[in-house]
Amino acid sequence: MNYRWIGKPVIRDDAEEKATGKIKYMTDLVYQDMLWGKIVRSEVPHARIVEIDTTEAERVPGVVAIVTYKDVPGENGYGIAISDQPVFCQDKVRYEGDAVAGVIAETEKIADDAAGKIKVRYELLPIVCDPRLAIQEGAPLVHDRGNILAEYHVQNGNLEKALQEADLVVERNYYCSTQFPVYLEKEGGVAEYKNGCLSMLCGSQYPTQDQRQLSKVLNIPEDMIRIVSNPVGGAFGGKDDLTVQAQLAVMAYRVGRHVKLVNTREESIKTSWKRHPAYITMKTAVKQDGTFLANKVDVIIDTGAYAGLGCAVLTNIMGHACGSYRAQAVDVSAKCVYTNNCPASAMRGFGIPQITFAVESQMDIIAEQLDLDSLEIRIKNGLKTGEKGPYGNTMFMTLGTVPSLQKVKETELWNRREQIKKKASASWKKRGIGIATCIKGAGLGKGIPDYSAAEVMLNEKGEYVVAIGCPDLGQGNRIAFRQMAAEALQCSLSQVKLLQGDSFCTPDSGITAASRSVYTGGNAILLAVEDVKKQICAFATDYWKVPLTEVVFGEYNVACSDKEMSISDLADLVNKKNDNIRAKSYFEMPVADKGVEGVYGLPHVLFGTTTHVVLVEVDVLTGYVDVLQVISIPDAGKIINIQGLEGQAEGGTIMGLGYAIMERGVINQGRILTDSFSTYIIPTAVDCPDIFVKPVEVLDDSGPFGAKGIAEALSTSITPAIINAIYDAVGIRLYELPSTSEKVYTELKKIKRAKC
């Protein structure tokens, strides 16, 4: 089908502002009467609070107020899933960075200085920082109810039968360390409490959910709270839950003036929600021809001091325990565990990068041991539309795994891999090529409310105003929403205006997360557009006194056999009659036909897919891994904005690259030692390989124009593809992430010593 706007490389409407630095994020805002807030944080990972002495800080000139747990007017706790994190700690601290008090002052410097004068006396408590030790009897308790936040055992099919029938069983242990989101815009914003109402401008992925949580913290009605969270300067899941909103709300409530609060980069790194460290044992059974029979998985994830979305991450891991492949049987034991480490929660991929690393490593090991082609074994076992998923549910929505893998065969990098590998840049460098694929469920999964809403209105100028709650986190859903609306309304992009991420002006559209916003938000917009078009035609019918069947909605007008009226003229008539044309719609995400008893969020039915092919060059003298070229083959269904998809694919590739070989968060006895960009190393422009994006489009009829979710899948398969490429280059199999140069060098030395 030929589209005017869908699939086109439309320039984002915020592109110039972002490129020039003119855009104002929530942390850039300044008000004339503004005060500054500063959070006093725990410097120890586990201790009882004996005393909080604010006397000296209160004497500092320019200090307006100091707040502690005593100043929280409502519930002193928050959490998007479990309200277990205090706004300000009362009895004890559970990680280095816990909020203990807050200072409100006339300037930022005064607030910082006064914060340093607050004395907190602690009684130190034993620390538990390894989730495997935290579940042992007698381990120090992070929370009184115990250290196990969630524990599941789920299975489907006959595992023992599959193991008996197998010609090969591969069992390995994998470890994925934490990854920090390190978005450019740190946590922060501005809030004002006035006349019983709270107004807050703060980077967030779900303003309506923030509104609900802050209502409990301040003990005021939700409709007395306004949250504006657009634009957001990056999030990657790290702004799913509250960051500083609860503390900022209490500060604003206390003084009744504008208060601005922004974390330092060191605070951000220490306190931001992280990717869960994961310990995975995987036992995979296959036939001699490579047929995937069964997977037995044991996983423990470290959620840190507070729950965050740890339970949801755990169930996502379980739901993707067989990766992109069909299996006769699956058996998964999974635990999410509290420790005194920094809290972990949602981060791009929601647990899928961890489990995919293990699955895709297993597939390469199996292919080698059976002397099979690593691409063909994946194609052979790839899940297809209509087949049964690992938990017996029907995969009734389209899957792009096999088409994505088949496209690998069209690439020069794969077809000429043996010749390319011989062209290393030096004699002490070895080249390797690796592949990996992944699926990532879009949406929240069965058993969890997952919906979107949108509102479309025709204003007096003849423009269409689309209101949707999902913020744009930088990924570009804003332009995608406008493109979909303009295509459905048969109008120019300039006629579509967008209101986004404001809890007062936009409906509850659900969270911008889980690769869901284009699918759910787009569907909601299309439903509202259809209603608006009907109302426009009905108005013209009434005005012209002709049958509705004779009125046709056109690109810029409505018309019947002998009459025509522009949309702007019709809007003027509607306005003069004090009437309005407005429609609000509600869309619910489809759910699996079969769930898993006792587990929420499992399974999914809508999936984005990505396959990565990677060329690396390994320096055998230093262990340094240089990623030279990457081919990203995503299936997002119908592409809404090709530029947006390419940008997402490139960004996702770099994030997954960092997870594979660079981003090493060092946490020692609950203390983060890598708390700046000089110690926590992320990829920069000089680390970027040549990236080629070659999408496939496997449309799903349920999606807006056939679109599906994709954002998280774009950063997932690149990680194991790099690890597989390193093995192809130098013959070392790495089972821990990140596989830094030091680790590669150590493994190379082991091989060298073994040969001596």
Foldseek 3Di string as FASTA:
>chain_A
DDFDFFAAQDDFPCVVCVVVVVDDAQQNDDDDQEKAKDFQWAQALKWWWPDKDLVVLVPQPFWDDKFFLVLFQFDQFDALVDGDQGLADDTMHHFGQRTHMMTIGRDPVSRVVSSVVIDIDTGGDAFDDDQVQQQDPPHDALDPVGWFPDKDKDKDFDPVVLQVQFPDKDKDKFKFDKFAQPFPAFWKHKWAAAPNAIEIETAAQFQLSLLVRLCRRNVGDSVRYKYFHPPARFDQPQRHTPQNVSVNRSVNVVPRGMYIYGDDLLSRRQATAIAWIKMKMKMWGAHLVLATAEIEMEMETEQESDCHAVQLLFQQLVQCLQFQFAYNMYIYIYTYTYGSAHGHYHGQQSNQLRNQLVNLLVLVVVCVVSVHDSLVSQLVGGDAQQDAGNRRFGLPWGDCRNVLSVCVVVDPCVVVVVVVQVPDPDPLKGKFKFKGKGKAFAFQAPPDFTKFKKKWWQALQLAIEIAGERYDNPLRVVVLLLSLLLRLLLEDSVSYHYHYNMPVGHPRGDGPDRLYCQFRVSVNSNVFSVQLQLVLLVLVCVVVVHDSVQWDRHNQWIDGDPDIDGSNRSSNVCVVVVHIRMGMGMGTDDHTPDATPPGHRPDHNFIKMKMKMWMWMARLVQLAIATAEMEIEIEFARRRHPVSVVVLLQVLLQQLVCFAAAQDFDADSSRTPQSDCVRGPGDDPVRRHHYHYHYDHDFTPSGSVRGHGYNSSSNRRSRSRSQRRLCRTQNDHDRYIHCYSVNSNVRSVVVVVVVD
